[in-house]
């Protein structure tokens, strides 16, 4: 069973503090959001020392979207991978996007818009020693086709699929009212897809939610009284019991700790 603590719940997303909080609360896995703020050489050295001194078993490295990746970020990730302890499992992830700009295509002057294409395997950066998976990224709408495009890309190329549950919990509305039929579709889709995940490499992202809608505004601990993800806990727990990593993407430390208790209890 592997619950992962994400740096989203650490003060200012601080990566070193993420390691410390994980150790203080017996998390065996963490997820680090890598951005320009935390790629200073001295800071990175301290981060790597903290990781290697810990008893963490795995680290998930969350890269920015493709168009926000910089050479500095890639170099920072390479340093983490190269200097980590041999026993530590490290996996990367990047958002699967249906539309990314095609920079090599010239758009004639006076033409509005920009040429786009889906994320392809050869778009994902190559970092020696690191397998980078893809995560469904479309949000504020229930779009199972988008999720399955990401899932099929991952399975075709034998890379991890990161299933972000909160991003798709947006049922259709009719006349301002949520359609119950869509809620059932969402629960069924999530349950079936989780049963198809490979716990040895795939990952689940989630946080509890008190109602359908923006997952940050309505975030709660997994299993809380009003948590709408309660019907999904059995299949999520089964995935975790089989060794799958479940990342709690809360921005509230207490919620993350309570979610760990709910999943492992």
C-alpha atoms as a PDB file:
ATOM      1  CA  UNK A   1       0.000   0.000   0.000  1.00  0.00           C
ATOM      2  CA  UNK A   2       1.558   3.299  -1.113  1.00  0.00           C
ATOM      3  CA  UNK A   3       0.073   6.680  -0.238  1.00  0.00           C
ATOM      4  CA  UNK A   4       2.028   9.594  -1.667  1.00  0.00           C
ATOM      5  CA  UNK A   5       2.322  13.058  -0.164  1.00  0.00           C
ATOM      6  CA  UNK A   6       2.356  15.830  -2.775  1.00  0.00           C
ATOM      7  CA  UNK A   7       4.242  19.100  -2.489  1.00  0.00           C
ATOM      8  CA  UNK A   8       0.943  20.895  -3.160  1.00  0.00           C
ATOM      9  CA  UNK A   9       0.226  20.516   0.586  1.00  0.00           C
ATOM     10  CA  UNK A  10       3.645  21.774   1.676  1.00  0.00           C
ATOM     11  CA  UNK A  11       4.176  25.488   2.399  1.00  0.00           C
ATOM     12  CA  UNK A  12       4.718  27.265  -0.926  1.00  0.00           C
ATOM     13  CA  UNK A  13       5.075  23.858  -2.639  1.00  0.00           C
ATOM     14  CA  UNK A  14       8.552  23.628  -1.084  1.00  0.00           C
ATOM     15  CA  UNK A  15      10.226  20.399  -2.208  1.00  0.00           C
ATOM     16  CA  UNK A  16      12.556  19.897   0.765  1.00  0.00           C
ATOM     17  CA  UNK A  17       9.708  20.551   3.185  1.00  0.00           C
ATOM     18  CA  UNK A  18       7.702  17.963   1.249  1.00  0.00           C
ATOM     19  CA  UNK A  19      10.341  15.341   2.033  1.00  0.00           C
ATOM     20  CA  UNK A  20      10.379  16.367   5.698  1.00  0.00           C
ATOM     21  CA  UNK A  21       6.587  16.265   6.089  1.00  0.00           C
ATOM     22  CA  UNK A  22       6.444  12.871   4.371  1.00  0.00           C
ATOM     23  CA  UNK A  23       9.023  11.520   6.825  1.00  0.00           C
ATOM     24  CA  UNK A  24       7.253  13.014   9.826  1.00  0.00           C
ATOM     25  CA  UNK A  25       3.993  11.327   8.809  1.00  0.00           C
ATOM     26  CA  UNK A  26       5.265   7.964   7.542  1.00  0.00           C
ATOM     27  CA  UNK A  27       4.570   8.456   3.845  1.00  0.00           C
ATOM     28  CA  UNK A  28       6.685   6.119   1.716  1.00  0.00           C
ATOM     29  CA  UNK A  29       6.205   8.084  -1.478  1.00  0.00           C
ATOM     30  CA  UNK A  30       6.125  11.744  -2.496  1.00  0.00           C
ATOM     31  CA  UNK A  31       5.231  13.765  -5.550  1.00  0.00           C
ATOM     32  CA  UNK A  32       7.366  16.798  -6.382  1.00  0.00           C
ATOM     33  CA  UNK A  33       6.158  19.605  -8.642  1.00  0.00           C
ATOM     34  CA  UNK A  34       9.296  20.805 -10.394  1.00  0.00           C
ATOM     35  CA  UNK A  35       9.351  24.460 -11.448  1.00  0.00           C
ATOM     36  CA  UNK A  36      11.839  27.271 -11.943  1.00  0.00           C
ATOM     37  CA  UNK A  37      11.611  28.359  -8.310  1.00  0.00           C
ATOM     38  CA  UNK A  38      13.340  25.228  -7.031  1.00  0.00           C
ATOM     39  CA  UNK A  39      16.112  24.465  -9.513  1.00  0.00           C
ATOM     40  CA  UNK A  40      18.934  26.449  -7.911  1.00  0.00           C
ATOM     41  CA  UNK A  41      22.011  24.194  -7.712  1.00  0.00           C
ATOM     42  CA  UNK A  42      22.511  24.611  -3.963  1.00  0.00           C
ATOM     43  CA  UNK A  43      18.824  24.001  -3.247  1.00  0.00           C
ATOM     44  CA  UNK A  44      18.800  20.931  -5.486  1.00  0.00           C
ATOM     45  CA  UNK A  45      21.833  19.503  -3.703  1.00  0.00           C
ATOM     46  CA  UNK A  46      20.066  19.906  -0.359  1.00  0.00           C
ATOM     47  CA  UNK A  47      16.934  18.307  -1.813  1.00  0.00           C
ATOM     48  CA  UNK A  48      18.843  15.283  -3.100  1.00  0.00           C
ATOM     49  CA  UNK A  49      20.586  14.873   0.270  1.00  0.00           C
ATOM     50  CA  UNK A  50      17.211  15.015   2.043  1.00  0.00           C
ATOM     51  CA  UNK A  51      15.712  12.400  -0.316  1.00  0.00           C
ATOM     52  CA  UNK A  52      18.673  10.057   0.016  1.00  0.00           C
ATOM     53  CA  UNK A  53      18.694  10.341   3.825  1.00  0.00           C
ATOM     54  CA  UNK A  54      14.994   9.479   3.988  1.00  0.00           C
ATOM     55  CA  UNK A  55      13.379   6.065   3.961  1.00  0.00           C
ATOM     56  CA  UNK A  56      11.205   6.964   0.978  1.00  0.00           C
ATOM     57  CA  UNK A  57      10.600   4.156  -1.480  1.00  0.00           C
ATOM     58  CA  UNK A  58       9.451   6.175  -4.486  1.00  0.00           C
ATOM     59  CA  UNK A  59       9.385   9.705  -5.856  1.00  0.00           C
ATOM     60  CA  UNK A  60       6.998  10.955  -8.534  1.00  0.00           C
ATOM     61  CA  UNK A  61       8.356  13.936 -10.475  1.00  0.00           C
ATOM     62  CA  UNK A  62       5.563  16.102 -11.875  1.00  0.00           C
ATOM     63  CA  UNK A  63       6.881  18.045 -14.869  1.00  0.00           C
ATOM     64  CA  UNK A  64       5.269  21.239 -16.157  1.00  0.00           C
ATOM     65  CA  UNK A  65       3.203  21.178 -19.349  1.00  0.00           C
ATOM     66  CA  UNK A  66       5.269  20.660 -22.476  1.00  0.00           C
ATOM     67  CA  UNK A  67       5.331  24.345 -23.447  1.00  0.00           C
ATOM     68  CA  UNK A  68       6.473  25.347 -19.956  1.00  0.00           C
ATOM     69  CA  UNK A  69       9.421  22.952 -19.844  1.00  0.00           C
ATOM     70  CA  UNK A  70      12.793  24.693 -19.800  1.00  0.00           C
ATOM     71  CA  UNK A  71      16.362  23.394 -20.110  1.00  0.00           C
ATOM     72  CA  UNK A  72      16.881  24.363 -16.465  1.00  0.00           C
ATOM     73  CA  UNK A  73      14.002  22.181 -15.292  1.00  0.00           C
ATOM     74  CA  UNK A  74      15.137  19.232 -17.395  1.00  0.00           C
ATOM     75  CA  UNK A  75      18.688  19.621 -16.057  1.00  0.00           C
ATOM     76  CA  UNK A  76      17.356  19.697 -12.479  1.00  0.00           C
ATOM     77  CA  UNK A  77      15.419  16.469 -13.023  1.00  0.00           C
ATOM     78  CA  UNK A  78      18.476  14.831 -14.584  1.00  0.00           C
ATOM     79  CA  UNK A  79      20.483  15.714 -11.450  1.00  0.00           C
ATOM     80  CA  UNK A  80      17.852  14.186  -9.155  1.00  0.00           C
ATOM     81  CA  UNK A  81      17.777  10.991 -11.212  1.00  0.00           C
ATOM     82  CA  UNK A  82      21.566  10.721 -11.467  1.00  0.00           C
ATOM     83  CA  UNK A  83      22.269  11.365  -7.782  1.00  0.00           C
ATOM     84  CA  UNK A  84      19.426   9.466  -6.111  1.00  0.00           C
ATOM     85  CA  UNK A  85      20.031   6.357  -4.022  1.00  0.00           C
ATOM     86  CA  UNK A  86      19.989   3.179  -6.153  1.00  0.00           C
ATOM     87  CA  UNK A  87      17.094   1.650  -4.169  1.00  0.00           C
ATOM     88  CA  UNK A  88      14.773   4.596  -4.825  1.00  0.00           C
ATOM     89  CA  UNK A  89      12.137   4.284  -7.542  1.00  0.00           C
ATOM     90  CA  UNK A  90      11.683   7.530  -9.493  1.00  0.00           C
ATOM     91  CA  UNK A  91       9.006   8.045 -12.152  1.00  0.00           C
ATOM     92  CA  UNK A  92       8.094  11.169 -14.098  1.00  0.00           C
ATOM     93  CA  UNK A  93       4.811  12.450 -15.458  1.00  0.00           C
ATOM     94  CA  UNK A  94       3.643  15.093 -17.886  1.00  0.00           C
ATOM     95  CA  UNK A  95       0.139  16.168 -18.837  1.00  0.00           C
ATOM     96  CA  UNK A  96      -1.329  14.609 -21.950  1.00  0.00           C
ATOM     97  CA  UNK A  97      -2.742  17.449 -24.029  1.00  0.00           C
ATOM     98  CA  UNK A  98      -5.070  17.198 -27.012  1.00  0.00           C
ATOM     99  CA  UNK A  99      -3.760  20.441 -28.453  1.00  0.00           C
ATOM    100  CA  UNK A 100      -0.195  21.718 -28.281  1.00  0.00           C
ATOM    101  CA  UNK A 101       1.173  24.390 -30.635  1.00  0.00           C
ATOM    102  CA  UNK A 102       3.184  23.189 -33.605  1.00  0.00           C
ATOM    103  CA  UNK A 103       6.139  25.544 -33.495  1.00  0.00           C
ATOM    104  CA  UNK A 104       7.654  24.370 -36.779  1.00  0.00           C
ATOM    105  CA  UNK A 105       4.651  25.343 -38.885  1.00  0.00           C
ATOM    106  CA  UNK A 106       4.575  28.867 -40.266  1.00  0.00           C
ATOM    107  CA  UNK A 107       1.277  30.657 -39.800  1.00  0.00           C
ATOM    108  CA  UNK A 108       0.777  33.222 -42.616  1.00  0.00           C
ATOM    109  CA  UNK A 109       0.611  36.832 -41.545  1.00  0.00           C
ATOM    110  CA  UNK A 110      -2.934  37.969 -40.931  1.00  0.00           C
ATOM    111  CA  UNK A 111      -4.204  34.475 -40.089  1.00  0.00           C
ATOM    112  CA  UNK A 112      -5.650  34.152 -36.604  1.00  0.00           C
ATOM    113  CA  UNK A 113      -4.924  31.178 -34.383  1.00  0.00           C
ATOM    114  CA  UNK A 114      -2.080  28.715 -34.216  1.00  0.00           C
ATOM    115  CA  UNK A 115      -1.587  25.232 -35.625  1.00  0.00           C
ATOM    116  CA  UNK A 116      -1.972  22.516 -32.988  1.00  0.00           C
ATOM    117  CA  UNK A 117      -1.642  18.752 -32.611  1.00  0.00           C
ATOM    118  CA  UNK A 118      -1.989  16.180 -29.811  1.00  0.00           C
ATOM    119  CA  UNK A 119       0.938  15.259 -27.589  1.00  0.00           C
ATOM    120  CA  UNK A 120       2.934  12.485 -29.258  1.00  0.00           C
ATOM    121  CA  UNK A 121       5.411  10.107 -27.684  1.00  0.00           C
ATOM    122  CA  UNK A 122       8.353  11.816 -29.374  1.00  0.00           C
ATOM    123  CA  UNK A 123       7.309  15.135 -27.780  1.00  0.00           C
ATOM    124  CA  UNK A 124       8.054  13.817 -24.282  1.00  0.00           C
ATOM    125  CA  UNK A 125      11.575  14.782 -23.161  1.00  0.00           C
ATOM    126  CA  UNK A 126      14.127  11.991 -22.959  1.00  0.00           C
ATOM    127  CA  UNK A 127      15.819  11.909 -19.549  1.00  0.00           C
ATOM    128  CA  UNK A 128      18.212   8.966 -19.070  1.00  0.00           C
ATOM    129  CA  UNK A 129      17.126   6.715 -16.235  1.00  0.00           C
ATOM    130  CA  UNK A 130      13.619   8.196 -16.012  1.00  0.00           C
ATOM    131  CA  UNK A 131      10.424   6.793 -17.468  1.00  0.00           C
ATOM    132  CA  UNK A 132       7.916   9.603 -18.007  1.00  0.00           C
ATOM    133  CA  UNK A 133       4.227   8.764 -18.036  1.00  0.00           C
ATOM    134  CA  UNK A 134       1.205  10.784 -19.135  1.00  0.00           C
ATOM    135  CA  UNK A 135      -1.716  12.168 -17.119  1.00  0.00           C
ATOM    136  CA  UNK A 136      -5.174  13.130 -18.324  1.00  0.00           C
ATOM    137  CA  UNK A 137      -5.243  16.914 -18.125  1.00  0.00           C
ATOM    138  CA  UNK A 138      -8.610  18.117 -19.410  1.00  0.00           C
ATOM    139  CA  UNK A 139     -10.726  19.476 -16.600  1.00  0.00           C
ATOM    140  CA  UNK A 140     -14.083  21.091 -15.801  1.00  0.00           C
ATOM    141  CA  UNK A 141     -15.803  18.617 -18.104  1.00  0.00           C
ATOM    142  CA  UNK A 142     -16.441  14.883 -18.129  1.00  0.00           C
ATOM    143  CA  UNK A 143     -14.584  13.833 -21.292  1.00  0.00           C
ATOM    144  CA  UNK A 144     -13.900  10.084 -21.178  1.00  0.00           C
ATOM    145  CA  UNK A 145     -12.521  10.135 -24.731  1.00  0.00           C
ATOM    146  CA  UNK A 146      -9.708  12.451 -23.647  1.00  0.00           C
ATOM    147  CA  UNK A 147      -8.872  10.175 -20.713  1.00  0.00           C
ATOM    148  CA  UNK A 148      -8.839   7.100 -22.939  1.00  0.00           C
ATOM    149  CA  UNK A 149      -6.566   8.798 -25.483  1.00  0.00           C
ATOM    150  CA  UNK A 150      -4.030   9.337 -22.701  1.00  0.00           C
ATOM    151  CA  UNK A 151      -4.549   5.810 -21.356  1.00  0.00           C
ATOM    152  CA  UNK A 152      -4.119   4.199 -24.772  1.00  0.00           C
ATOM    153  CA  UNK A 153      -0.987   6.236 -25.484  1.00  0.00           C
ATOM    154  CA  UNK A 154       0.498   5.019 -22.206  1.00  0.00           C
ATOM    155  CA  UNK A 155      -0.398   1.370 -22.745  1.00  0.00           C
ATOM    156  CA  UNK A 156       0.766   1.418 -26.381  1.00  0.00           C
ATOM    157  CA  UNK A 157       4.203   2.735 -25.405  1.00  0.00           C
ATOM    158  CA  UNK A 158       4.455   0.850 -22.084  1.00  0.00           C
ATOM    159  CA  UNK A 159       4.763   3.985 -19.970  1.00  0.00           C
ATOM    160  CA  UNK A 160       2.852   4.853 -16.770  1.00  0.00           C
ATOM    161  CA  UNK A 161      -0.659   6.239 -16.992  1.00  0.00           C
ATOM    162  CA  UNK A 162      -1.552   8.760 -14.294  1.00  0.00           C
ATOM    163  CA  UNK A 163      -5.304   8.823 -13.732  1.00  0.00           C
ATOM    164  CA  UNK A 164      -6.413  12.150 -12.261  1.00  0.00           C
ATOM    165  CA  UNK A 165      -9.889  11.448 -10.948  1.00  0.00           C
ATOM    166  CA  UNK A 166     -10.754  14.965  -9.792  1.00  0.00           C
ATOM    167  CA  UNK A 167     -10.314  16.414 -13.269  1.00  0.00           C
ATOM    168  CA  UNK A 168     -13.280  14.482 -14.683  1.00  0.00           C
ATOM    169  CA  UNK A 169     -15.825  14.730 -11.866  1.00  0.00           C
ATOM    170  CA  UNK A 170     -17.910  17.318 -13.686  1.00  0.00           C
ATOM    171  CA  UNK A 171     -21.351  15.907 -14.565  1.00  0.00           C
ATOM    172  CA  UNK A 172     -23.485  17.415 -17.306  1.00  0.00           C
ATOM    173  CA  UNK A 173     -26.161  19.896 -16.327  1.00  0.00           C
ATOM    174  CA  UNK A 174     -29.602  20.451 -17.792  1.00  0.00           C
ATOM    175  CA  UNK A 175     -31.513  23.573 -16.886  1.00  0.00           C
ATOM    176  CA  UNK A 176     -28.895  24.310 -14.248  1.00  0.00           C
ATOM    177  CA  UNK A 177     -29.461  20.937 -12.569  1.00  0.00           C
ATOM    178  CA  UNK A 178     -26.935  18.097 -12.530  1.00  0.00           C
ATOM    179  CA  UNK A 179     -28.080  15.064 -14.508  1.00  0.00           C
ATOM    180  CA  UNK A 180     -28.052  12.004 -12.233  1.00  0.00           C
ATOM    181  CA  UNK A 181     -27.405   9.802 -15.246  1.00  0.00           C
ATOM    182  CA  UNK A 182     -24.064  11.536 -15.809  1.00  0.00           C
ATOM    183  CA  UNK A 183     -23.055  10.998 -12.177  1.00  0.00           C
ATOM    184  CA  UNK A 184     -23.620   7.278 -12.634  1.00  0.00           C
ATOM    185  CA  UNK A 185     -21.590   7.364 -15.863  1.00  0.00           C
ATOM    186  CA  UNK A 186     -18.690   9.072 -14.068  1.00  0.00           C
ATOM    187  CA  UNK A 187     -18.630   6.569 -11.206  1.00  0.00           C
ATOM    188  CA  UNK A 188     -18.874   3.626 -13.617  1.00  0.00           C
ATOM    189  CA  UNK A 189     -16.151   4.981 -15.904  1.00  0.00           C
ATOM    190  CA  UNK A 190     -13.727   5.623 -13.024  1.00  0.00           C
ATOM    191  CA  UNK A 191     -14.386   2.225 -11.437  1.00  0.00           C
ATOM    192  CA  UNK A 192     -13.857   0.310 -14.688  1.00  0.00           C
ATOM    193  CA  UNK A 193     -10.716   2.230 -15.654  1.00  0.00           C
ATOM    194  CA  UNK A 194      -9.081   1.816 -12.228  1.00  0.00           C
ATOM    195  CA  UNK A 195      -9.657  -1.942 -12.525  1.00  0.00           C
ATOM    196  CA  UNK A 196      -7.623  -1.841 -15.766  1.00  0.00           C
ATOM    197  CA  UNK A 197      -4.650   0.020 -14.287  1.00  0.00           C
ATOM    198  CA  UNK A 198      -1.310  -1.682 -13.696  1.00  0.00           C
ATOM    199  CA  UNK A 199      -0.333  -1.089 -10.029  1.00  0.00           C
ATOM    200  CA  UNK A 200       3.319  -1.783 -10.830  1.00  0.00           C
ATOM    201  CA  UNK A 201       3.571   1.420 -12.859  1.00  0.00           C
ATOM    202  CA  UNK A 202       0.298   3.364 -13.077  1.00  0.00           C
ATOM    203  CA  UNK A 203      -0.645   6.080 -10.584  1.00  0.00           C
ATOM    204  CA  UNK A 204      -3.871   7.591  -9.241  1.00  0.00           C
ATOM    205  CA  UNK A 205      -4.286  11.288  -8.409  1.00  0.00           C
ATOM    206  CA  UNK A 206      -7.156  12.285  -6.176  1.00  0.00           C
ATOM    207  CA  UNK A 207      -8.515  14.269  -3.295  1.00  0.00           C
ATOM    208  CA  UNK A 208     -11.908  14.047  -1.678  1.00  0.00           C
ATOM    209  CA  UNK A 209     -14.612  16.466  -2.831  1.00  0.00           C
ATOM    210  CA  UNK A 210     -17.694  17.692  -1.017  1.00  0.00           C
ATOM    211  CA  UNK A 211     -19.567  18.326  -4.267  1.00  0.00           C
ATOM    212  CA  UNK A 212     -19.159  18.099  -7.998  1.00  0.00           C
ATOM    213  CA  UNK A 213     -17.266  21.011  -9.452  1.00  0.00           C
ATOM    214  CA  UNK A 214     -13.876  22.622  -8.995  1.00  0.00           C
ATOM    215  CA  UNK A 215     -11.761  20.105  -7.093  1.00  0.00           C
ATOM    216  CA  UNK A 216      -9.788  22.813  -5.280  1.00  0.00           C
ATOM    217  CA  UNK A 217     -12.780  24.807  -4.049  1.00  0.00           C
ATOM    218  CA  UNK A 218     -14.592  21.708  -2.753  1.00  0.00           C
ATOM    219  CA  UNK A 219     -11.610  19.643  -1.595  1.00  0.00           C
ATOM    220  CA  UNK A 220     -11.943  17.516   1.519  1.00  0.00           C
ATOM    221  CA  UNK A 221     -10.277  14.509   3.094  1.00  0.00           C
ATOM    222  CA  UNK A 222     -10.913  11.168   1.442  1.00  0.00           C
ATOM    223  CA  UNK A 223     -13.817   9.494   3.215  1.00  0.00           C
ATOM    224  CA  UNK A 224     -15.038  12.656   4.951  1.00  0.00           C
ATOM    225  CA  UNK A 225     -18.757  12.755   5.756  1.00  0.00           C
ATOM    226  CA  UNK A 226     -19.752  14.649   2.583  1.00  0.00           C
ATOM    227  CA  UNK A 227     -17.057  13.209   0.308  1.00  0.00           C
ATOM    228  CA  UNK A 228     -18.556  12.317  -3.081  1.00  0.00           C
ATOM    229  CA  UNK A 229     -15.635   9.979  -3.834  1.00  0.00           C
ATOM    230  CA  UNK A 230     -16.718   7.563  -1.069  1.00  0.00           C
ATOM    231  CA  UNK A 231     -18.288   5.128  -3.602  1.00  0.00           C
ATOM    232  CA  UNK A 232     -14.863   4.875  -5.266  1.00  0.00           C
ATOM    233  CA  UNK A 233     -12.853   4.085  -2.121  1.00  0.00           C
ATOM    234  CA  UNK A 234     -13.116   0.266  -2.426  1.00  0.00           C
ATOM    235  CA  UNK A 235     -11.619   0.144  -5.933  1.00  0.00           C
ATOM    236  CA  UNK A 236      -9.000   2.779  -5.061  1.00  0.00           C
ATOM    237  CA  UNK A 237      -8.061   0.825  -1.936  1.00  0.00           C
ATOM    238  CA  UNK A 238      -7.777  -2.386  -3.972  1.00  0.00           C
ATOM    239  CA  UNK A 239      -5.415  -0.630  -6.403  1.00  0.00           C
ATOM    240  CA  UNK A 240      -3.357   0.636  -3.458  1.00  0.00           C
ATOM    241  CA  UNK A 241      -3.320  -2.761  -1.748  1.00  0.00           C
ATOM    242  CA  UNK A 242      -1.839  -4.233  -4.934  1.00  0.00           C
ATOM    243  CA  UNK A 243       1.073  -1.797  -4.661  1.00  0.00           C
ATOM    244  CA  UNK A 244      -0.243   1.096  -6.745  1.00  0.00           C
ATOM    245  CA  UNK A 245       0.764   4.651  -5.843  1.00  0.00           C
ATOM    246  CA  UNK A 246      -2.101   6.918  -4.817  1.00  0.00           C
ATOM    247  CA  UNK A 247      -1.110  10.594  -4.713  1.00  0.00           C
ATOM    248  CA  UNK A 248      -3.206  12.872  -2.514  1.00  0.00           C
ATOM    249  CA  UNK A 249      -3.202  16.175  -4.376  1.00  0.00           C
ATOM    250  CA  UNK A 250      -4.595  18.251  -1.540  1.00  0.00           C
ATOM    251  CA  UNK A 251      -3.450  21.785  -0.879  1.00  0.00           C
ATOM    252  CA  UNK A 252      -4.255  21.296   2.806  1.00  0.00           C
ATOM    253  CA  UNK A 253      -1.918  19.243   4.980  1.00  0.00           C
ATOM    254  CA  UNK A 254      -4.605  18.053   7.417  1.00  0.00           C
ATOM    255  CA  UNK A 255      -6.762  16.789   4.556  1.00  0.00           C
ATOM    256  CA  UNK A 256      -3.816  14.884   3.107  1.00  0.00           C
ATOM    257  CA  UNK A 257      -3.062  13.234   6.477  1.00  0.00           C
ATOM    258  CA  UNK A 258      -6.692  12.296   7.064  1.00  0.00           C
ATOM    259  CA  UNK A 259      -6.894  10.866   3.546  1.00  0.00           C
ATOM    260  CA  UNK A 260      -3.882   8.658   4.273  1.00  0.00           C
ATOM    261  CA  UNK A 261      -5.627   7.309   7.366  1.00  0.00           C
ATOM    262  CA  UNK A 262      -8.828   6.658   5.398  1.00  0.00           C
ATOM    263  CA  UNK A 263      -7.046   4.734   2.659  1.00  0.00           C
ATOM    264  CA  UNK A 264      -4.767   2.731   4.927  1.00  0.00           C
ATOM    265  CA  UNK A 265      -7.221   2.168   7.772  1.00  0.00           C
END
